[in-house]
Amino acid sequence: MSKSQQSSAKVIARLRDGKLIKGFLNGSSATLDAFQQASEFKLPELIGIDPVEPGEGVSLRLDTLKALFFVKSFEGKKEYPEVKFFDKSPPIRGLWVRIQFYDSESIEGTVENTIHYLVEPGFFMKPPDPQSNNQILYVIKSSLINFHILGVMPDY
């Protein structure tokens, strides 16, 4: 693993055709901290990913993605039963939403209560399970068939 990969965000790109691409988001400021401070941040139309295994990086257009998952590890927790829904109003501030993708996968999370999730091609969402391998995800709106606001907290 190169020095730049050690500081870059680990991502798993889920493409609309079902393929997964695991790697490191390339770019000088592509750290997880940069994305968690994402109130003014949006992803570019073309995303560069350096693969986990040695080889050439790939460039992906946003509209080819279902979502981009910022993960703790590439292996995940196969035995862990991930919580995809809140059992009550989340303690995280922002908009509590439930989304459903075109492939019927549903998940809840929180998004920032700004106009960005309405006007951009995608939005950042924090999943409900802090023990999940997914730290934050960037959802591509064209991959959704449903978006419901379930509750509002005053701050994100």
C-alpha atoms as a PDB file:
ATOM      1  CA  MET A   1       0.000   0.000   0.000  1.00  0.00           C
ATOM      2  CA  SER A   2       1.440   3.343  -1.008  1.00  0.00           C
ATOM      3  CA  LYS A   3       1.752   6.263   1.394  1.00  0.00           C
ATOM      4  CA  SER A   4      -0.997   8.187  -0.453  1.00  0.00           C
ATOM      5  CA  GLN A   5      -3.329   5.182  -0.141  1.00  0.00           C
ATOM      6  CA  GLN A   6      -2.786   5.050   3.629  1.00  0.00           C
ATOM      7  CA  SER A   7      -4.276   8.538   3.991  1.00  0.00           C
ATOM      8  CA  SER A   8      -6.918   8.231   1.253  1.00  0.00           C
ATOM      9  CA  ALA A   9     -10.489   7.176   1.924  1.00  0.00           C
ATOM     10  CA  LYS A  10     -11.248   3.471   1.497  1.00  0.00           C
ATOM     11  CA  VAL A  11     -14.228   3.112  -0.798  1.00  0.00           C
ATOM     12  CA  ILE A  12     -16.356   0.436  -2.350  1.00  0.00           C
ATOM     13  CA  ALA A  13     -18.096   1.629  -5.486  1.00  0.00           C
ATOM     14  CA  ARG A  14     -21.348  -0.223  -6.154  1.00  0.00           C
ATOM     15  CA  LEU A  15     -22.099   0.144  -9.822  1.00  0.00           C
ATOM     16  CA  ARG A  16     -25.614   0.127 -11.240  1.00  0.00           C
ATOM     17  CA  ASP A  17     -24.862  -3.156 -13.024  1.00  0.00           C
ATOM     18  CA  GLY A  18     -24.083  -4.867  -9.683  1.00  0.00           C
ATOM     19  CA  LYS A  19     -20.282  -4.853  -9.896  1.00  0.00           C
ATOM     20  CA  LEU A  20     -18.156  -3.769  -6.942  1.00  0.00           C
ATOM     21  CA  ILE A  21     -14.891  -1.863  -7.197  1.00  0.00           C
ATOM     22  CA  LYS A  22     -12.775  -1.679  -4.052  1.00  0.00           C
ATOM     23  CA  GLY A  23     -10.018   0.872  -3.716  1.00  0.00           C
ATOM     24  CA  PHE A  24      -8.828   4.228  -2.517  1.00  0.00           C
ATOM     25  CA  LEU A  25     -10.367   7.470  -3.660  1.00  0.00           C
ATOM     26  CA  ASN A  26      -7.625   9.327  -5.447  1.00  0.00           C
ATOM     27  CA  GLY A  27      -7.000  13.011  -4.955  1.00  0.00           C
ATOM     28  CA  SER A  28      -4.926  15.096  -2.612  1.00  0.00           C
ATOM     29  CA  SER A  29      -7.814  15.751  -0.196  1.00  0.00           C
ATOM     30  CA  ALA A  30      -9.592  12.393  -0.517  1.00  0.00           C
ATOM     31  CA  THR A  31      -9.558  11.494   3.175  1.00  0.00           C
ATOM     32  CA  LEU A  32     -12.510  10.317   5.217  1.00  0.00           C
ATOM     33  CA  ASP A  33     -12.212  13.407   7.424  1.00  0.00           C
ATOM     34  CA  ALA A  34     -12.669  15.604   4.342  1.00  0.00           C
ATOM     35  CA  PHE A  35     -15.887  13.789   3.469  1.00  0.00           C
ATOM     36  CA  GLN A  36     -17.241  13.850   7.012  1.00  0.00           C
ATOM     37  CA  GLN A  37     -16.849  17.645   6.879  1.00  0.00           C
ATOM     38  CA  ALA A  38     -18.835  17.511   3.656  1.00  0.00           C
ATOM     39  CA  SER A  39     -21.399  20.278   4.142  1.00  0.00           C
ATOM     40  CA  GLU A  40     -20.042  22.217   1.150  1.00  0.00           C
ATOM     41  CA  PHE A  41     -18.516  19.227  -0.626  1.00  0.00           C
ATOM     42  CA  LYS A  42     -19.862  17.401  -3.644  1.00  0.00           C
ATOM     43  CA  LEU A  43     -18.288  14.628  -5.625  1.00  0.00           C
ATOM     44  CA  PRO A  44     -17.031  15.428  -9.115  1.00  0.00           C
ATOM     45  CA  GLU A  45     -18.773  13.911 -12.148  1.00  0.00           C
ATOM     46  CA  LEU A  46     -15.732  11.637 -12.653  1.00  0.00           C
ATOM     47  CA  ILE A  47     -14.394   9.723  -9.644  1.00  0.00           C
ATOM     48  CA  GLY A  48     -10.912   8.210  -9.645  1.00  0.00           C
ATOM     49  CA  ILE A  49     -10.297   5.027  -7.658  1.00  0.00           C
ATOM     50  CA  ASP A  50      -6.906   3.442  -7.116  1.00  0.00           C
ATOM     51  CA  PRO A  51      -7.416  -0.327  -6.790  1.00  0.00           C
ATOM     52  CA  VAL A  52      -6.572  -2.312  -3.668  1.00  0.00           C
ATOM     53  CA  GLU A  53      -4.460  -4.716  -5.701  1.00  0.00           C
ATOM     54  CA  PRO A  54      -1.582  -3.356  -7.774  1.00  0.00           C
ATOM     55  CA  GLY A  55      -2.840  -2.195 -11.134  1.00  0.00           C
ATOM     56  CA  GLU A  56      -4.222   0.745 -12.986  1.00  0.00           C
ATOM     57  CA  GLY A  57      -6.765   3.011 -11.380  1.00  0.00           C
ATOM     58  CA  VAL A  58     -10.233   3.460 -12.784  1.00  0.00           C
ATOM     59  CA  SER A  59     -12.334   6.517 -13.457  1.00  0.00           C
ATOM     60  CA  LEU A  60     -16.055   6.168 -12.910  1.00  0.00           C
ATOM     61  CA  ARG A  61     -18.815   8.536 -13.878  1.00  0.00           C
ATOM     62  CA  LEU A  62     -21.277   9.296 -11.078  1.00  0.00           C
ATOM     63  CA  ASP A  63     -24.207   8.182 -13.204  1.00  0.00           C
ATOM     64  CA  THR A  64     -22.750   4.640 -13.454  1.00  0.00           C
ATOM     65  CA  LEU A  65     -22.874   4.240  -9.656  1.00  0.00           C
ATOM     66  CA  LYS A  66     -25.601   3.107  -7.293  1.00  0.00           C
ATOM     67  CA  ALA A  67     -23.668   4.488  -4.331  1.00  0.00           C
ATOM     68  CA  LEU A  68     -20.138   5.032  -3.090  1.00  0.00           C
ATOM     69  CA  PHE A  69     -19.490   3.484   0.334  1.00  0.00           C
ATOM     70  CA  PHE A  70     -16.730   4.874   2.551  1.00  0.00           C
ATOM     71  CA  VAL A  71     -15.686   1.826   4.568  1.00  0.00           C
ATOM     72  CA  LYS A  72     -13.528   0.875   7.543  1.00  0.00           C
ATOM     73  CA  SER A  73     -12.141  -2.213   5.778  1.00  0.00           C
ATOM     74  CA  PHE A  74     -12.455  -3.886   2.400  1.00  0.00           C
ATOM     75  CA  GLU A  75     -13.294  -7.249   3.962  1.00  0.00           C
ATOM     76  CA  GLY A  76     -16.245  -6.020   6.023  1.00  0.00           C
ATOM     77  CA  LYS A  77     -17.820  -8.007   8.833  1.00  0.00           C
ATOM     78  CA  LYS A  78     -19.414 -10.986   7.131  1.00  0.00           C
ATOM     79  CA  GLU A  79     -20.841 -12.459  10.364  1.00  0.00           C
ATOM     80  CA  TYR A  80     -22.133  -9.141  11.713  1.00  0.00           C
ATOM     81  CA  PRO A  81     -25.905  -8.549  11.317  1.00  0.00           C
ATOM     82  CA  GLU A  82     -25.842  -4.898  10.233  1.00  0.00           C
ATOM     83  CA  VAL A  83     -28.665  -2.670  11.452  1.00  0.00           C
ATOM     84  CA  LYS A  84     -30.185  -0.848   8.463  1.00  0.00           C
ATOM     85  CA  PHE A  85     -33.038   0.914  10.264  1.00  0.00           C
ATOM     86  CA  PHE A  86     -33.373   3.013  13.399  1.00  0.00           C
ATOM     87  CA  ASP A  87     -35.645   1.556  16.093  1.00  0.00           C
ATOM     88  CA  LYS A  88     -36.599   5.079  17.211  1.00  0.00           C
ATOM     89  CA  SER A  89     -35.719   8.636  16.299  1.00  0.00           C
ATOM     90  CA  PRO A  90     -31.961   8.727  15.689  1.00  0.00           C
ATOM     91  CA  PRO A  91     -29.680  10.594  18.094  1.00  0.00           C
ATOM     92  CA  ILE A  92     -27.835  12.045  15.086  1.00  0.00           C
ATOM     93  CA  ARG A  93     -28.900  15.516  14.035  1.00  0.00           C
ATOM     94  CA  GLY A  94     -30.129  16.164  10.506  1.00  0.00           C
ATOM     95  CA  LEU A  95     -32.893  14.651   8.387  1.00  0.00           C
ATOM     96  CA  TRP A  96     -33.832  11.090   9.254  1.00  0.00           C
ATOM     97  CA  VAL A  97     -34.568   9.453   5.891  1.00  0.00           C
ATOM     98  CA  ARG A  98     -35.445   6.077   4.432  1.00  0.00           C
ATOM     99  CA  ILE A  99     -34.272   5.431   0.890  1.00  0.00           C
ATOM    100  CA  GLN A 100     -35.040   2.612  -1.513  1.00  0.00           C
ATOM    101  CA  PHE A 101     -32.786   1.816  -4.451  1.00  0.00           C
ATOM    102  CA  TYR A 102     -33.965   0.586  -7.875  1.00  0.00           C
ATOM    103  CA  ASP A 103     -32.950  -2.971  -6.829  1.00  0.00           C
ATOM    104  CA  SER A 104     -35.339  -2.808  -3.798  1.00  0.00           C
ATOM    105  CA  GLU A 105     -32.549  -2.440  -1.201  1.00  0.00           C
ATOM    106  CA  SER A 106     -33.755  -0.105   1.572  1.00  0.00           C
ATOM    107  CA  ILE A 107     -31.789   1.655   4.265  1.00  0.00           C
ATOM    108  CA  GLU A 108     -32.303   4.481   6.724  1.00  0.00           C
ATOM    109  CA  GLY A 109     -29.809   7.120   7.672  1.00  0.00           C
ATOM    110  CA  THR A 110     -29.324  10.796   8.312  1.00  0.00           C
ATOM    111  CA  VAL A 111     -28.524  13.505   5.798  1.00  0.00           C
ATOM    112  CA  GLU A 112     -27.618  17.126   6.279  1.00  0.00           C
ATOM    113  CA  ASN A 113     -30.633  19.433   6.383  1.00  0.00           C
ATOM    114  CA  THR A 114     -29.603  21.716   3.508  1.00  0.00           C
ATOM    115  CA  ILE A 115     -30.534  22.272  -0.101  1.00  0.00           C
ATOM    116  CA  HIS A 116     -27.516  20.192  -1.247  1.00  0.00           C
ATOM    117  CA  TYR A 117     -29.366  16.877  -1.081  1.00  0.00           C
ATOM    118  CA  LEU A 118     -32.034  18.342  -3.379  1.00  0.00           C
ATOM    119  CA  VAL A 119     -29.942  20.060  -6.063  1.00  0.00           C
ATOM    120  CA  GLU A 120     -26.855  17.842  -6.370  1.00  0.00           C
ATOM    121  CA  PRO A 121     -26.760  14.502  -8.263  1.00  0.00           C
ATOM    122  CA  GLY A 122     -26.154  12.724  -4.960  1.00  0.00           C
ATOM    123  CA  PHE A 123     -25.911  13.253  -1.229  1.00  0.00           C
ATOM    124  CA  PHE A 124     -23.946  12.026   1.766  1.00  0.00           C
ATOM    125  CA  MET A 125     -25.801   9.814   4.238  1.00  0.00           C
ATOM    126  CA  LYS A 126     -24.710   8.478   7.616  1.00  0.00           C
ATOM    127  CA  PRO A 127     -25.950   4.916   8.215  1.00  0.00           C
ATOM    128  CA  PRO A 128     -27.781   3.990  11.453  1.00  0.00           C
ATOM    129  CA  ASP A 129     -25.298   1.401  12.758  1.00  0.00           C
ATOM    130  CA  PRO A 130     -22.071   2.823  14.234  1.00  0.00           C
ATOM    131  CA  GLN A 131     -20.639  -0.728  14.295  1.00  0.00           C
ATOM    132  CA  SER A 132     -21.240  -1.164  10.563  1.00  0.00           C
ATOM    133  CA  ASN A 133     -18.345  -1.353   8.137  1.00  0.00           C
ATOM    134  CA  ASN A 134     -19.927   1.591   6.293  1.00  0.00           C
ATOM    135  CA  GLN A 135     -18.889   4.925   7.762  1.00  0.00           C
ATOM    136  CA  ILE A 136     -20.712   7.187   5.337  1.00  0.00           C
ATOM    137  CA  LEU A 137     -22.095   6.759   1.843  1.00  0.00           C
ATOM    138  CA  TYR A 138     -22.658   8.946  -1.164  1.00  0.00           C
ATOM    139  CA  VAL A 139     -26.027   8.031  -2.664  1.00  0.00           C
ATOM    140  CA  ILE A 140     -26.637   8.685  -6.360  1.00  0.00           C
ATOM    141  CA  LYS A 141     -30.181  10.061  -6.603  1.00  0.00           C
ATOM    142  CA  SER A 142     -30.856   8.532 -10.036  1.00  0.00           C
ATOM    143  CA  SER A 143     -30.473   5.105  -8.347  1.00  0.00           C
ATOM    144  CA  LEU A 144     -33.398   5.741  -5.994  1.00  0.00           C
ATOM    145  CA  ILE A 145     -37.049   4.897  -6.444  1.00  0.00           C
ATOM    146  CA  ASN A 146     -38.155   6.207  -3.018  1.00  0.00           C
ATOM    147  CA  PHE A 147     -36.954   8.888  -0.617  1.00  0.00           C
ATOM    148  CA  HIS A 148     -38.920   9.519   2.576  1.00  0.00           C
ATOM    149  CA  ILE A 149     -38.192  12.012   5.334  1.00  0.00           C
ATOM    150  CA  LEU A 150     -39.129  10.301   8.600  1.00  0.00           C
ATOM    151  CA  GLY A 151     -38.045  13.000  11.026  1.00  0.00           C
ATOM    152  CA  VAL A 152     -36.080  16.191  11.458  1.00  0.00           C
ATOM    153  CA  MET A 153     -33.450  17.056  14.043  1.00  0.00           C
ATOM    154  CA  PRO A 154     -32.486  20.763  14.336  1.00  0.00           C
ATOM    155  CA  ASP A 155     -28.789  20.351  13.418  1.00  0.00           C
ATOM    156  CA  TYR A 156     -26.743  17.902  11.368  1.00  0.00           C
END
